[in-house]
Protein backbone atom coordinates (compact mmCIF):
# COMPACT_ATOMS: atom_id res chain seq x y z
CA MET A 1 16.80 -10.18 -18.87
CA SER A 2 19.56 -9.38 -16.68
CA ARG A 3 19.32 -10.45 -12.83
CA ALA A 4 19.41 -6.37 -12.01
CA ARG A 5 17.57 -5.74 -14.18
CA THR A 6 14.68 -8.16 -13.12
CA LEU A 7 15.07 -7.10 -9.67
CA THR A 8 14.84 -3.25 -10.89
CA VAL A 9 11.47 -3.96 -12.09
CA LEU A 10 10.35 -5.70 -9.07
CA GLY A 11 11.83 -3.23 -6.90
CA VAL A 12 9.52 -0.64 -8.68
CA LEU A 13 6.51 -2.80 -8.67
CA LEU A 14 6.71 -3.25 -5.41
CA MET A 15 6.97 0.46 -4.81
CA LEU A 16 3.87 1.10 -6.93
CA ALA A 17 1.52 -1.62 -5.09
CA ALA A 18 3.08 0.36 -1.68
CA CYS A 19 1.52 3.43 -3.21
CA LEU A 20 -1.85 2.05 -4.03
CA LEU A 21 -2.29 -0.52 -1.31
CA PRO A 22 -4.00 2.40 1.24
CA CYS A 23 -6.12 3.78 -1.44
CA LEU A 24 -8.21 -0.08 -1.65
CA PRO A 25 -9.79 0.54 1.95
CA LEU A 26 -11.24 4.03 0.51
CA TRP A 27 -12.90 1.90 -2.70
CA ASN A 28 -14.76 -0.43 -0.55
CA GLY A 29 -17.73 1.84 -0.26
CA ILE A 30 -17.61 4.80 1.77
CA THR A 31 -21.01 6.32 2.00
CA LEU A 32 -22.76 9.75 3.57
CA PRO A 33 -24.30 9.62 6.92
CA ASP A 34 -28.00 9.62 6.94
CA GLN A 35 -29.69 13.11 7.47
CA ASP A 36 -31.75 12.55 10.47
CA PRO A 37 -29.95 9.46 11.89
CA THR A 38 -31.49 7.31 14.80
CA PRO A 39 -29.08 6.19 18.26
CA GLU A 40 -28.86 2.87 16.31
CA ALA A 41 -27.77 4.33 13.19
CA ILE A 42 -25.12 6.55 15.00
CA GLN A 43 -23.63 3.05 16.64
CA GLN A 44 -23.55 1.38 13.13
CA GLU A 45 -22.12 4.53 11.61
CA ASN A 46 -19.23 4.47 14.56
CA ALA A 47 -18.56 0.93 14.41
CA GLU A 48 -18.25 1.26 10.62
CA ALA A 49 -15.53 3.78 10.64
CA LEU A 50 -13.62 1.96 13.72
CA ALA A 51 -13.49 -0.76 11.17
CA PHE A 52 -12.44 1.15 8.31
CA GLU A 53 -10.24 2.59 10.66
CA GLN A 54 -8.04 -1.06 11.39
CA ARG A 55 -8.50 -1.94 7.95
CA PHE A 56 -7.03 1.43 6.76
CA GLN A 57 -4.20 0.76 9.56
CA VAL A 58 -3.48 -2.58 8.23
CA ALA A 59 -3.16 -1.55 4.63
CA ALA A 60 -0.43 1.26 5.73
CA TRP A 61 1.76 -1.11 7.54
CA ILE A 62 1.75 -3.93 4.56
CA ALA A 63 2.33 -0.86 2.16
CA GLY A 64 5.46 0.52 4.29
CA ALA A 65 6.96 -3.20 3.83
CA LEU A 66 6.43 -3.37 0.69
CA ALA A 67 8.01 0.31 0.03
CA ILE A 68 10.61 -1.25 2.01
CA LEU A 69 11.07 -4.46 0.33
CA GLY A 70 10.98 -2.79 -3.07
CA LEU A 71 13.72 -0.14 -2.25
CA ALA A 72 15.88 -2.50 -0.96
CA ALA A 73 15.66 -4.62 -4.19
CA PHE A 74 15.93 -1.58 -6.41
CA ILE A 75 19.31 -0.43 -4.37
CA TYR A 76 20.80 -3.83 -4.33
CA ALA A 77 20.08 -4.34 -8.43
CA ARG A 78 21.61 -0.87 -8.73
CA LYS A 79 24.49 -1.62 -6.79
CA HIS A 80 25.08 -5.02 -8.93
CA HIS A 81 24.52 -3.17 -12.34
CA ARG A 82 27.50 -0.93 -11.31
CA ARG A 83 29.66 -3.90 -9.98
CA ALA A 84 28.97 -5.79 -12.88
CA GLY A 85 29.87 -3.21 -15.53
CA GLY A 86 26.60 -1.78 -16.40
CA ALA A 87 26.13 1.69 -17.86
């Protein structure tokens, strides 16, 4: 496999991973709130919501970095492929 093709595949895989990464916190077990919560349960739910928001924010930043790296690899591979005389 040529270097340009390898970078193209790597770029596409990184962009795909960037799209899927923010979904991971969602699969981590979101539950419905209690019907008649106690004050302690409300505090617990608020703490869980804050923790979820922080995990999602970290996942979004990492996904953004992966998307940028993937796009850069894809563009570099395409330019390298054109210079090499590929179709």
